[in-house]
Amino acid sequence: MKKETIIKVVSVVGVLGVLYFIYKKMTKKNGGVNGDINQEPITPNPSSGGYEKYIISTQVHPLRIRETPSENAKVLGKLNIGQEVLLKPSTTQGWMEYSTNGSTTFGYVSSQFVTKK
């Protein structure tokens, strides 16, 4: 195999590796492709800072995850009806802090559309 061919193959493999790394980071950060959060149920760590299991109970649309506890805040993703998630009460009444890992806040959801499991 020629040296130029080997370099081209290594370059393509390297670029694909970088693209895959970016894709995994973005889908993890944004909760999945198209902003949908379709994750397996998470068992919280005992030192999780108060996150507990809840079920999304909205009946009309997927529940929007907001950047801040406000209806006008940027939408970070969506949670499906019946999905199990980790939440804890926010300091803002009517809102819950949403966590993807059980220890840090990813965003906020309205408390009126969730039910404690």
C-alpha atoms as a PDB file:
ATOM      1  CA  MET A   1       0.000   0.000   0.000  1.00  0.00           C
ATOM      2  CA  LYS A   2       1.284   3.450  -0.895  1.00  0.00           C
ATOM      3  CA  LYS A   3       2.193   5.931   1.804  1.00  0.00           C
ATOM      4  CA  GLU A   4      -0.371   8.467   0.436  1.00  0.00           C
ATOM      5  CA  THR A   5      -3.149   5.851   0.615  1.00  0.00           C
ATOM      6  CA  ILE A   6      -2.302   4.988   4.210  1.00  0.00           C
ATOM      7  CA  ILE A   7      -2.304   8.673   5.195  1.00  0.00           C
ATOM      8  CA  LYS A   8      -5.710   9.192   3.513  1.00  0.00           C
ATOM      9  CA  VAL A   9      -7.213   6.165   5.294  1.00  0.00           C
ATOM     10  CA  VAL A  10      -5.836   7.284   8.674  1.00  0.00           C
ATOM     11  CA  SER A  11      -7.146  10.820   8.058  1.00  0.00           C
ATOM     12  CA  VAL A  12     -10.650   9.591   7.188  1.00  0.00           C
ATOM     13  CA  VAL A  13     -10.727   7.319  10.244  1.00  0.00           C
ATOM     14  CA  GLY A  14      -9.534  10.205  12.430  1.00  0.00           C
ATOM     15  CA  VAL A  15     -12.204  12.568  11.085  1.00  0.00           C
ATOM     16  CA  LEU A  16     -14.926   9.961  11.596  1.00  0.00           C
ATOM     17  CA  GLY A  17     -13.709   9.415  15.161  1.00  0.00           C
ATOM     18  CA  VAL A  18     -13.873  13.137  15.905  1.00  0.00           C
ATOM     19  CA  LEU A  19     -17.350  13.414  14.347  1.00  0.00           C
ATOM     20  CA  TYR A  20     -18.584  10.450  16.402  1.00  0.00           C
ATOM     21  CA  PHE A  21     -17.153  11.997  19.584  1.00  0.00           C
ATOM     22  CA  ILE A  22     -18.920  15.310  18.837  1.00  0.00           C
ATOM     23  CA  TYR A  23     -22.180  13.499  18.014  1.00  0.00           C
ATOM     24  CA  LYS A  24     -22.100  11.569  21.319  1.00  0.00           C
ATOM     25  CA  LYS A  25     -21.343  14.736  23.298  1.00  0.00           C
ATOM     26  CA  MET A  26     -24.122  16.701  21.592  1.00  0.00           C
ATOM     27  CA  THR A  27     -26.753  13.995  21.937  1.00  0.00           C
ATOM     28  CA  LYS A  28     -25.866  13.527  25.603  1.00  0.00           C
ATOM     29  CA  LYS A  29     -25.903  17.284  26.278  1.00  0.00           C
ATOM     30  CA  ASN A  30     -29.115  17.917  24.351  1.00  0.00           C
ATOM     31  CA  GLY A  31     -30.845  14.785  25.507  1.00  0.00           C
ATOM     32  CA  GLY A  32     -30.861  13.013  22.182  1.00  0.00           C
ATOM     33  CA  VAL A  33     -31.437  13.724  18.542  1.00  0.00           C
ATOM     34  CA  ASN A  34     -33.961  16.526  17.948  1.00  0.00           C
ATOM     35  CA  GLY A  35     -33.818  17.461  21.626  1.00  0.00           C
ATOM     36  CA  ASP A  36     -35.931  14.506  22.774  1.00  0.00           C
ATOM     37  CA  ILE A  37     -34.931  12.921  26.045  1.00  0.00           C
ATOM     38  CA  ASN A  38     -35.333   9.173  25.576  1.00  0.00           C
ATOM     39  CA  GLN A  39     -33.227   7.692  28.301  1.00  0.00           C
ATOM     40  CA  GLU A  40     -33.287   4.592  30.404  1.00  0.00           C
ATOM     41  CA  PRO A  41     -34.588   5.086  33.957  1.00  0.00           C
ATOM     42  CA  ILE A  42     -31.792   6.229  36.266  1.00  0.00           C
ATOM     43  CA  THR A  43     -31.241   5.026  39.794  1.00  0.00           C
ATOM     44  CA  PRO A  44     -30.164   8.075  41.791  1.00  0.00           C
ATOM     45  CA  ASN A  45     -27.017   8.053  43.852  1.00  0.00           C
ATOM     46  CA  PRO A  46     -27.801   8.266  47.594  1.00  0.00           C
ATOM     47  CA  SER A  47     -25.810  11.506  47.699  1.00  0.00           C
ATOM     48  CA  SER A  48     -27.730  12.857  44.708  1.00  0.00           C
ATOM     49  CA  GLY A  49     -28.754  16.118  46.307  1.00  0.00           C
ATOM     50  CA  GLY A  50     -32.449  15.374  46.648  1.00  0.00           C
ATOM     51  CA  TYR A  51     -33.401  14.098  43.180  1.00  0.00           C
ATOM     52  CA  GLU A  52     -36.225  11.562  43.223  1.00  0.00           C
ATOM     53  CA  LYS A  53     -38.075   9.520  40.613  1.00  0.00           C
ATOM     54  CA  TYR A  54     -41.110  11.115  38.955  1.00  0.00           C
ATOM     55  CA  ILE A  55     -43.315  10.200  36.005  1.00  0.00           C
ATOM     56  CA  ILE A  56     -44.194  12.699  33.282  1.00  0.00           C
ATOM     57  CA  SER A  57     -47.982  12.980  33.483  1.00  0.00           C
ATOM     58  CA  THR A  58     -48.903  15.685  30.958  1.00  0.00           C
ATOM     59  CA  GLN A  59     -51.734  14.518  28.702  1.00  0.00           C
ATOM     60  CA  VAL A  60     -51.443  16.943  25.796  1.00  0.00           C
ATOM     61  CA  HIS A  61     -47.843  17.358  24.591  1.00  0.00           C
ATOM     62  CA  PRO A  62     -44.356  16.240  25.567  1.00  0.00           C
ATOM     63  CA  LEU A  63     -43.120  18.215  28.558  1.00  0.00           C
ATOM     64  CA  ARG A  64     -40.559  20.874  27.685  1.00  0.00           C
ATOM     65  CA  ILE A  65     -37.309  21.132  29.623  1.00  0.00           C
ATOM     66  CA  ARG A  66     -36.470  24.809  30.120  1.00  0.00           C
ATOM     67  CA  GLU A  67     -33.099  26.461  30.655  1.00  0.00           C
ATOM     68  CA  THR A  68     -34.472  28.484  33.605  1.00  0.00           C
ATOM     69  CA  PRO A  69     -37.697  28.107  35.637  1.00  0.00           C
ATOM     70  CA  SER A  70     -39.837  30.246  33.319  1.00  0.00           C
ATOM     71  CA  GLU A  71     -42.365  29.539  30.544  1.00  0.00           C
ATOM     72  CA  ASN A  72     -40.432  32.026  28.400  1.00  0.00           C
ATOM     73  CA  ALA A  73     -37.057  30.317  28.878  1.00  0.00           C
ATOM     74  CA  LYS A  74     -35.195  28.526  26.101  1.00  0.00           C
ATOM     75  CA  VAL A  75     -36.354  24.930  25.486  1.00  0.00           C
ATOM     76  CA  LEU A  76     -33.507  22.448  26.011  1.00  0.00           C
ATOM     77  CA  GLY A  77     -35.447  19.287  25.206  1.00  0.00           C
ATOM     78  CA  LYS A  78     -38.680  17.386  25.704  1.00  0.00           C
ATOM     79  CA  LEU A  79     -39.825  14.541  27.941  1.00  0.00           C
ATOM     80  CA  ASN A  80     -42.410  12.007  26.840  1.00  0.00           C
ATOM     81  CA  ILE A  81     -45.635  11.169  28.639  1.00  0.00           C
ATOM     82  CA  GLY A  82     -45.065   8.258  31.049  1.00  0.00           C
ATOM     83  CA  GLN A  83     -41.291   8.690  31.078  1.00  0.00           C
ATOM     84  CA  GLU A  84     -39.489   8.181  34.388  1.00  0.00           C
ATOM     85  CA  VAL A  85     -37.167  11.053  35.313  1.00  0.00           C
ATOM     86  CA  LEU A  86     -35.176  12.451  38.227  1.00  0.00           C
ATOM     87  CA  LEU A  87     -36.480  15.704  39.702  1.00  0.00           C
ATOM     88  CA  LYS A  88     -36.267  17.783  42.837  1.00  0.00           C
ATOM     89  CA  PRO A  89     -38.181  20.892  43.914  1.00  0.00           C
ATOM     90  CA  SER A  90     -36.808  24.153  42.591  1.00  0.00           C
ATOM     91  CA  THR A  91     -36.480  27.297  44.646  1.00  0.00           C
ATOM     92  CA  THR A  92     -38.987  28.789  42.165  1.00  0.00           C
ATOM     93  CA  GLN A  93     -42.525  27.725  43.067  1.00  0.00           C
ATOM     94  CA  GLY A  94     -44.238  25.605  40.414  1.00  0.00           C
ATOM     95  CA  TRP A  95     -40.991  24.288  38.942  1.00  0.00           C
ATOM     96  CA  MET A  96     -38.828  21.187  39.401  1.00  0.00           C
ATOM     97  CA  GLU A  97     -35.120  20.806  38.682  1.00  0.00           C
ATOM     98  CA  TYR A  98     -34.484  18.057  36.112  1.00  0.00           C
ATOM     99  CA  SER A  99     -31.348  15.901  36.221  1.00  0.00           C
ATOM    100  CA  THR A 100     -30.002  13.467  33.646  1.00  0.00           C
ATOM    101  CA  ASN A 101     -27.432  11.968  36.014  1.00  0.00           C
ATOM    102  CA  GLY A 102     -28.958  12.300  39.488  1.00  0.00           C
ATOM    103  CA  SER A 103     -26.470  14.833  40.783  1.00  0.00           C
ATOM    104  CA  THR A 104     -26.556  17.980  38.621  1.00  0.00           C
ATOM    105  CA  THR A 105     -29.370  20.083  37.207  1.00  0.00           C
ATOM    106  CA  PHE A 106     -29.838  19.929  33.435  1.00  0.00           C
ATOM    107  CA  GLY A 107     -32.915  22.179  33.308  1.00  0.00           C
ATOM    108  CA  TYR A 108     -36.387  22.848  34.720  1.00  0.00           C
ATOM    109  CA  VAL A 109     -39.874  21.423  34.175  1.00  0.00           C
ATOM    110  CA  SER A 110     -43.269  22.586  35.375  1.00  0.00           C
ATOM    111  CA  SER A 111     -44.303  20.721  38.516  1.00  0.00           C
ATOM    112  CA  GLN A 112     -47.959  20.544  37.453  1.00  0.00           C
ATOM    113  CA  PHE A 113     -47.144  17.920  34.796  1.00  0.00           C
ATOM    114  CA  VAL A 114     -45.256  15.378  36.908  1.00  0.00           C
ATOM    115  CA  THR A 115     -46.262  12.749  39.458  1.00  0.00           C
ATOM    116  CA  LYS A 116     -43.980  11.316  42.138  1.00  0.00           C
ATOM    117  CA  LYS A 117     -43.312   7.630  41.599  1.00  0.00           C
END
